[in-house]
Amino acid sequence: MTQMKVEDIRAMSPDQMEDAVLNLKKERFNLRFQRATGQLENTSRLREARRDIARIKTVAAQKRAAETKK
């Protein structure tokens, strides 16, 4: 999986964002296990997953803030 683009995240519904965050958290958990057992080949994916989660949460917060201003 590659890094998510902000434009793609903005196009998601709130439910899709929640699902994406849940999937990324599961992936991150599995990646941490792989790293601990020495099976992880792409170590940069841990960082990407963490940043993707933050990116989604940021866009979700921005959308909520925009809704409350209306």
PDB file of N, CA and C in Angstrom:
ATOM      1  N   MET A   1       0.848  -1.187   0.000  1.00  0.00           N
ATOM      2  CA  MET A   1       0.000   0.000   0.000  1.00  0.00           C
ATOM      3  C   MET A   1       0.887   1.243   0.000  1.00  0.00           C
ATOM      4  N   THR A   2       0.469   2.252  -0.716  1.00  0.00           N
ATOM      5  CA  THR A   2       1.256   3.476  -0.796  1.00  0.00           C
ATOM      6  C   THR A   2       0.610   4.567   0.044  1.00  0.00           C
ATOM      7  N   GLN A   3       1.341   5.637   0.172  1.00  0.00           N
ATOM      8  CA  GLN A   3       0.870   6.765   0.958  1.00  0.00           C
ATOM      9  C   GLN A   3      -0.430   7.318   0.386  1.00  0.00           C
ATOM     10  N   MET A   4      -1.356   7.665   1.270  1.00  0.00           N
ATOM     11  CA  MET A   4      -2.649   8.204   0.841  1.00  0.00           C
ATOM     12  C   MET A   4      -2.504   9.689   0.519  1.00  0.00           C
ATOM     13  N   LYS A   5      -3.206  10.122  -0.494  1.00  0.00           N
ATOM     14  CA  LYS A   5      -3.185  11.519  -0.888  1.00  0.00           C
ATOM     15  C   LYS A   5      -4.310  12.266  -0.176  1.00  0.00           C
ATOM     16  N   VAL A   6      -4.063  13.520   0.156  1.00  0.00           N
ATOM     17  CA  VAL A   6      -5.039  14.330   0.867  1.00  0.00           C
ATOM     18  C   VAL A   6      -6.315  14.499   0.039  1.00  0.00           C
ATOM     19  N   GLU A   7      -6.160  14.605  -1.276  1.00  0.00           N
ATOM     20  CA  GLU A   7      -7.338  14.758  -2.140  1.00  0.00           C
ATOM     21  C   GLU A   7      -8.236  13.525  -2.037  1.00  0.00           C
ATOM     22  N   ASP A   8      -7.611  12.349  -1.993  1.00  0.00           N
ATOM     23  CA  ASP A   8      -8.382  11.105  -1.867  1.00  0.00           C
ATOM     24  C   ASP A   8      -9.091  11.039  -0.527  1.00  0.00           C
ATOM     25  N   ILE A   9      -8.414  11.489   0.517  1.00  0.00           N
ATOM     26  CA  ILE A   9      -9.005  11.460   1.858  1.00  0.00           C
ATOM     27  C   ILE A   9     -10.183  12.419   1.935  1.00  0.00           C
ATOM     28  N   ARG A  10     -10.034  13.595   1.348  1.00  0.00           N
ATOM     29  CA  ARG A  10     -11.125  14.584   1.381  1.00  0.00           C
ATOM     30  C   ARG A  10     -12.364  14.086   0.666  1.00  0.00           C
ATOM     31  N   ALA A  11     -12.180  13.207  -0.314  1.00  0.00           N
ATOM     32  CA  ALA A  11     -13.313  12.669  -1.071  1.00  0.00           C
ATOM     33  C   ALA A  11     -14.062  11.594  -0.287  1.00  0.00           C
ATOM     34  N   MET A  12     -13.483  11.115   0.806  1.00  0.00           N
ATOM     35  CA  MET A  12     -14.107  10.052   1.601  1.00  0.00           C
ATOM     36  C   MET A  12     -15.224  10.599   2.482  1.00  0.00           C
ATOM     37  N   SER A  13     -16.181   9.715   2.782  1.00  0.00           N
ATOM     38  CA  SER A  13     -17.221  10.054   3.749  1.00  0.00           C
ATOM     39  C   SER A  13     -16.657   9.797   5.150  1.00  0.00           C
ATOM     40  N   PRO A  14     -17.314  10.329   6.179  1.00  0.00           N
ATOM     41  CA  PRO A  14     -16.823  10.079   7.542  1.00  0.00           C
ATOM     42  C   PRO A  14     -16.733   8.592   7.885  1.00  0.00           C
ATOM     43  N   ASP A  15     -17.684   7.792   7.414  1.00  0.00           N
ATOM     44  CA  ASP A  15     -17.637   6.356   7.676  1.00  0.00           C
ATOM     45  C   ASP A  15     -16.443   5.704   6.988  1.00  0.00           C
ATOM     46  N   GLN A  16     -16.164   6.126   5.768  1.00  0.00           N
ATOM     47  CA  GLN A  16     -15.017   5.585   5.048  1.00  0.00           C
ATOM     48  C   GLN A  16     -13.714   5.951   5.758  1.00  0.00           C
ATOM     49  N   MET A  17     -13.668   7.172   6.309  1.00  0.00           N
ATOM     50  CA  MET A  17     -12.472   7.589   7.046  1.00  0.00           C
ATOM     51  C   MET A  17     -12.266   6.720   8.277  1.00  0.00           C
ATOM     52  N   GLU A  18     -13.349   6.457   9.000  1.00  0.00           N
ATOM     53  CA  GLU A  18     -13.242   5.602  10.185  1.00  0.00           C
ATOM     54  C   GLU A  18     -12.744   4.218   9.814  1.00  0.00           C
ATOM     55  N   ASP A  19     -13.275   3.660   8.728  1.00  0.00           N
ATOM     56  CA  ASP A  19     -12.843   2.336   8.274  1.00  0.00           C
ATOM     57  C   ASP A  19     -11.368   2.344   7.883  1.00  0.00           C
ATOM     58  N   ALA A  20     -10.946   3.400   7.198  1.00  0.00           N
ATOM     59  CA  ALA A  20      -9.548   3.491   6.773  1.00  0.00           C
ATOM     60  C   ALA A  20      -8.616   3.572   7.975  1.00  0.00           C
ATOM     61  N   VAL A  21      -8.995   4.355   8.984  1.00  0.00           N
ATOM     62  CA  VAL A  21      -8.173   4.467  10.187  1.00  0.00           C
ATOM     63  C   VAL A  21      -8.096   3.115  10.893  1.00  0.00           C
ATOM     64  N   LEU A  22      -9.223   2.424  10.986  1.00  0.00           N
ATOM     65  CA  LEU A  22      -9.241   1.110  11.630  1.00  0.00           C
ATOM     66  C   LEU A  22      -8.333   0.131  10.891  1.00  0.00           C
ATOM     67  N   ASN A  23      -8.421   0.113   9.574  1.00  0.00           N
ATOM     68  CA  ASN A  23      -7.571  -0.778   8.782  1.00  0.00           C
ATOM     69  C   ASN A  23      -6.090  -0.445   8.929  1.00  0.00           C
ATOM     70  N   LEU A  24      -5.773   0.852   8.953  1.00  0.00           N
ATOM     71  CA  LEU A  24      -4.381   1.266   9.110  1.00  0.00           C
ATOM     72  C   LEU A  24      -3.852   0.908  10.496  1.00  0.00           C
ATOM     73  N   LYS A  25      -4.698   1.012  11.517  1.00  0.00           N
ATOM     74  CA  LYS A  25      -4.263   0.632  12.863  1.00  0.00           C
ATOM     75  C   LYS A  25      -3.982  -0.862  12.946  1.00  0.00           C
ATOM     76  N   LYS A  26      -4.823  -1.661  12.276  1.00  0.00           N
ATOM     77  CA  LYS A  26      -4.593  -3.109  12.237  1.00  0.00           C
ATOM     78  C   LYS A  26      -3.296  -3.417  11.499  1.00  0.00           C
ATOM     79  N   GLU A  27      -3.088  -2.725  10.385  1.00  0.00           N
ATOM     80  CA  GLU A  27      -1.863  -2.931   9.615  1.00  0.00           C
ATOM     81  C   GLU A  27      -0.641  -2.556  10.440  1.00  0.00           C
ATOM     82  N   ARG A  28      -0.734  -1.435  11.150  1.00  0.00           N
ATOM     83  CA  ARG A  28       0.384  -0.984  11.982  1.00  0.00           C
ATOM     84  C   ARG A  28       0.705  -1.992  13.075  1.00  0.00           C
ATOM     85  N   PHE A  29      -0.341  -2.561  13.673  1.00  0.00           N
ATOM     86  CA  PHE A  29      -0.152  -3.584  14.703  1.00  0.00           C
ATOM     87  C   PHE A  29       0.605  -4.774  14.118  1.00  0.00           C
ATOM     88  N   ASN A  30       0.169  -5.233  12.939  1.00  0.00           N
ATOM     89  CA  ASN A  30       0.839  -6.365  12.290  1.00  0.00           C
ATOM     90  C   ASN A  30       2.278  -6.028  11.908  1.00  0.00           C
ATOM     91  N   LEU A  31       2.498  -4.813  11.438  1.00  0.00           N
ATOM     92  CA  LEU A  31       3.853  -4.406  11.077  1.00  0.00           C
ATOM     93  C   LEU A  31       4.768  -4.372  12.296  1.00  0.00           C
ATOM     94  N   ARG A  32       4.237  -3.926  13.429  1.00  0.00           N
ATOM     95  CA  ARG A  32       5.049  -3.902  14.655  1.00  0.00           C
ATOM     96  C   ARG A  32       5.430  -5.318  15.069  1.00  0.00           C
ATOM     97  N   PHE A  33       4.498  -6.252  14.921  1.00  0.00           N
ATOM     98  CA  PHE A  33       4.794  -7.647  15.233  1.00  0.00           C
ATOM     99  C   PHE A  33       5.878  -8.193  14.301  1.00  0.00           C
ATOM    100  N   GLN A  34       5.747  -7.881  13.011  1.00  0.00           N
ATOM    101  CA  GLN A  34       6.746  -8.339  12.050  1.00  0.00           C
ATOM    102  C   GLN A  34       8.119  -7.778  12.372  1.00  0.00           C
ATOM    103  N   ARG A  35       8.171  -6.508  12.779  1.00  0.00           N
ATOM    104  CA  ARG A  35       9.454  -5.903  13.127  1.00  0.00           C
ATOM    105  C   ARG A  35      10.056  -6.585  14.345  1.00  0.00           C
ATOM    106  N   ALA A  36       9.211  -6.896  15.324  1.00  0.00           N
ATOM    107  CA  ALA A  36       9.703  -7.525  16.551  1.00  0.00           C
ATOM    108  C   ALA A  36      10.246  -8.932  16.288  1.00  0.00           C
ATOM    109  N   THR A  37       9.664  -9.636  15.322  1.00  0.00           N
ATOM    110  CA  THR A  37      10.117 -11.000  15.024  1.00  0.00           C
ATOM    111  C   THR A  37      11.171 -11.022  13.920  1.00  0.00           C
ATOM    112  N   GLY A  38      11.537  -9.847  13.403  1.00  0.00           N
ATOM    113  CA  GLY A  38      12.576  -9.774  12.384  1.00  0.00           C
ATOM    114  C   GLY A  38      12.097 -10.122  10.987  1.00  0.00           C
ATOM    115  N   GLN A  39      10.798 -10.117  10.748  1.00  0.00           N
ATOM    116  CA  GLN A  39      10.253 -10.475   9.444  1.00  0.00           C
ATOM    117  C   GLN A  39       9.913  -9.265   8.587  1.00  0.00           C
ATOM    118  N   LEU A  40      10.009  -8.068   9.137  1.00  0.00           N
ATOM    119  CA  LEU A  40       9.610  -6.859   8.408  1.00  0.00           C
ATOM    120  C   LEU A  40      10.684  -6.478   7.396  1.00  0.00           C
ATOM    121  N   GLU A  41      10.293  -6.400   6.128  1.00  0.00           N
ATOM    122  CA  GLU A  41      11.233  -6.040   5.069  1.00  0.00           C
ATOM    123  C   GLU A  41      11.175  -4.550   4.757  1.00  0.00           C
ATOM    124  N   ASN A  42       9.968  -3.984   4.707  1.00  0.00           N
ATOM    125  CA  ASN A  42       9.801  -2.571   4.366  1.00  0.00           C
ATOM    126  C   ASN A  42       9.563  -1.776   5.657  1.00  0.00           C
ATOM    127  N   THR A  43      10.633  -1.360   6.291  1.00  0.00           N
ATOM    128  CA  THR A  43      10.506  -0.674   7.579  1.00  0.00           C
ATOM    129  C   THR A  43       9.858   0.700   7.457  1.00  0.00           C
ATOM    130  N   SER A  44       9.941   1.311   6.287  1.00  0.00           N
ATOM    131  CA  SER A  44       9.357   2.644   6.114  1.00  0.00           C
ATOM    132  C   SER A  44       7.831   2.596   6.122  1.00  0.00           C
ATOM    133  N   ARG A  45       7.249   1.419   5.928  1.00  0.00           N
ATOM    134  CA  ARG A  45       5.781   1.308   5.905  1.00  0.00           C
ATOM    135  C   ARG A  45       5.186   1.632   7.264  1.00  0.00           C
ATOM    136  N   LEU A  46       5.909   1.345   8.339  1.00  0.00           N
ATOM    137  CA  LEU A  46       5.427   1.703   9.681  1.00  0.00           C
ATOM    138  C   LEU A  46       5.213   3.211   9.777  1.00  0.00           C
ATOM    139  N   ARG A  47       6.186   3.952   9.332  1.00  0.00           N
ATOM    140  CA  ARG A  47       6.111   5.412   9.378  1.00  0.00           C
ATOM    141  C   ARG A  47       4.979   5.920   8.479  1.00  0.00           C
ATOM    142  N   GLU A  48       4.858   5.344   7.277  1.00  0.00           N
ATOM    143  CA  GLU A  48       3.800   5.755   6.354  1.00  0.00           C
ATOM    144  C   GLU A  48       2.419   5.504   6.949  1.00  0.00           C
ATOM    145  N   ALA A  49       2.235   4.343   7.574  1.00  0.00           N
ATOM    146  CA  ALA A  49       0.934   4.013   8.168  1.00  0.00           C
ATOM    147  C   ALA A  49       0.594   5.003   9.277  1.00  0.00           C
ATOM    148  N   ARG A  50       1.583   5.310  10.110  1.00  0.00           N
ATOM    149  CA  ARG A  50       1.349   6.249  11.207  1.00  0.00           C
ATOM    150  C   ARG A  50       0.961   7.630  10.674  1.00  0.00           C
ATOM    151  N   ARG A  51       1.641   8.054   9.633  1.00  0.00           N
ATOM    152  CA  ARG A  51       1.350   9.368   9.058  1.00  0.00           C
ATOM    153  C   ARG A  51       0.019   9.394   8.310  1.00  0.00           C
ATOM    154  N   ASP A  52      -0.337   8.266   7.675  1.00  0.00           N
ATOM    155  CA  ASP A  52      -1.641   8.182   7.009  1.00  0.00           C
ATOM    156  C   ASP A  52      -2.772   8.315   8.021  1.00  0.00           C
ATOM    157  N   ILE A  53      -2.613   7.670   9.176  1.00  0.00           N
ATOM    158  CA  ILE A  53      -3.621   7.778  10.239  1.00  0.00           C
ATOM    159  C   ILE A  53      -3.767   9.237  10.658  1.00  0.00           C
ATOM    160  N   ALA A  54      -2.653   9.903  10.875  1.00  0.00           N
ATOM    161  CA  ALA A  54      -2.684  11.312  11.289  1.00  0.00           C
ATOM    162  C   ALA A  54      -3.312  12.185  10.208  1.00  0.00           C
ATOM    163  N   ARG A  55      -2.988  11.890   8.946  1.00  0.00           N
ATOM    164  CA  ARG A  55      -3.535  12.656   7.820  1.00  0.00           C
ATOM    165  C   ARG A  55      -5.058  12.533   7.776  1.00  0.00           C
ATOM    166  N   ILE A  56      -5.569  11.308   7.944  1.00  0.00           N
ATOM    167  CA  ILE A  56      -7.014  11.089   7.908  1.00  0.00           C
ATOM    168  C   ILE A  56      -7.687  11.798   9.075  1.00  0.00           C
ATOM    169  N   LYS A  57      -7.105  11.681  10.264  1.00  0.00           N
ATOM    170  CA  LYS A  57      -7.697  12.326  11.435  1.00  0.00           C
ATOM    171  C   LYS A  57      -7.709  13.844  11.290  1.00  0.00           C
ATOM    172  N   THR A  58      -6.678  14.401  10.683  1.00  0.00           N
ATOM    173  CA  THR A  58      -6.615  15.848  10.477  1.00  0.00           C
ATOM    174  C   THR A  58      -7.714  16.313   9.533  1.00  0.00           C
ATOM    175  N   VAL A  59      -7.883  15.610   8.411  1.00  0.00           N
ATOM    176  CA  VAL A  59      -8.920  15.987   7.450  1.00  0.00           C
ATOM    177  C   VAL A  59     -10.305  15.829   8.077  1.00  0.00           C
ATOM    178  N   ALA A  60     -10.499  14.759   8.870  1.00  0.00           N
ATOM    179  CA  ALA A  60     -11.789  14.556   9.532  1.00  0.00           C
ATOM    180  C   ALA A  60     -12.087  15.712  10.494  1.00  0.00           C
ATOM    181  N   ALA A  61     -11.082  16.156  11.229  1.00  0.00           N
ATOM    182  CA  ALA A  61     -11.267  17.275  12.155  1.00  0.00           C
ATOM    183  C   ALA A  61     -11.579  18.560  11.392  1.00  0.00           C
ATOM    184  N   GLN A  62     -10.928  18.759  10.262  1.00  0.00           N
ATOM    185  CA  GLN A  62     -11.190  19.943   9.449  1.00  0.00           C
ATOM    186  C   GLN A  62     -12.626  19.935   8.930  1.00  0.00           C
ATOM    187  N   LYS A  63     -13.087  18.761   8.503  1.00  0.00           N
ATOM    188  CA  LYS A  63     -14.463  18.653   8.009  1.00  0.00           C
ATOM    189  C   LYS A  63     -15.466  18.937   9.127  1.00  0.00           C
ATOM    190  N   ARG A  64     -15.194  18.402  10.324  1.00  0.00           N
ATOM    191  CA  ARG A  64     -16.105  18.649  11.464  1.00  0.00           C
ATOM    192  C   ARG A  64     -16.121  20.128  11.808  1.00  0.00           C
ATOM    193  N   ALA A  65     -14.977  20.778  11.783  1.00  0.00           N
ATOM    194  CA  ALA A  65     -14.903  22.207  12.091  1.00  0.00           C
ATOM    195  C   ALA A  65     -15.673  23.021  11.051  1.00  0.00           C
ATOM    196  N   ALA A  66     -15.585  22.630   9.803  1.00  0.00           N
ATOM    197  CA  ALA A  66     -16.302  23.338   8.741  1.00  0.00           C
ATOM    198  C   ALA A  66     -17.804  23.158   8.892  1.00  0.00           C
ATOM    199  N   GLU A  67     -18.236  21.987   9.355  1.00  0.00           N
ATOM    200  CA  GLU A  67     -19.665  21.730   9.547  1.00  0.00           C
ATOM    201  C   GLU A  67     -20.232  22.559  10.698  1.00  0.00           C
ATOM    202  N   THR A  68     -19.456  22.731  11.751  1.00  0.00           N
ATOM    203  CA  THR A  68     -19.946  23.498  12.896  1.00  0.00           C
ATOM    204  C   THR A  68     -20.021  24.994  12.598  1.00  0.00           C
ATOM    205  N   LYS A  69     -19.211  25.467  11.647  1.00  0.00           N
ATOM    206  CA  LYS A  69     -19.240  26.887  11.287  1.00  0.00           C
ATOM    207  C   LYS A  69     -20.479  27.254  10.487  1.00  0.00           C
ATOM    208  N   LYS A  70     -21.056  26.282   9.804  1.00  0.00           N
ATOM    209  CA  LYS A  70     -22.215  26.564   8.946  1.00  0.00           C
ATOM    210  C   LYS A  70     -23.435  26.914   9.738  1.00  0.00           C
TER     211      LYS A  70
END
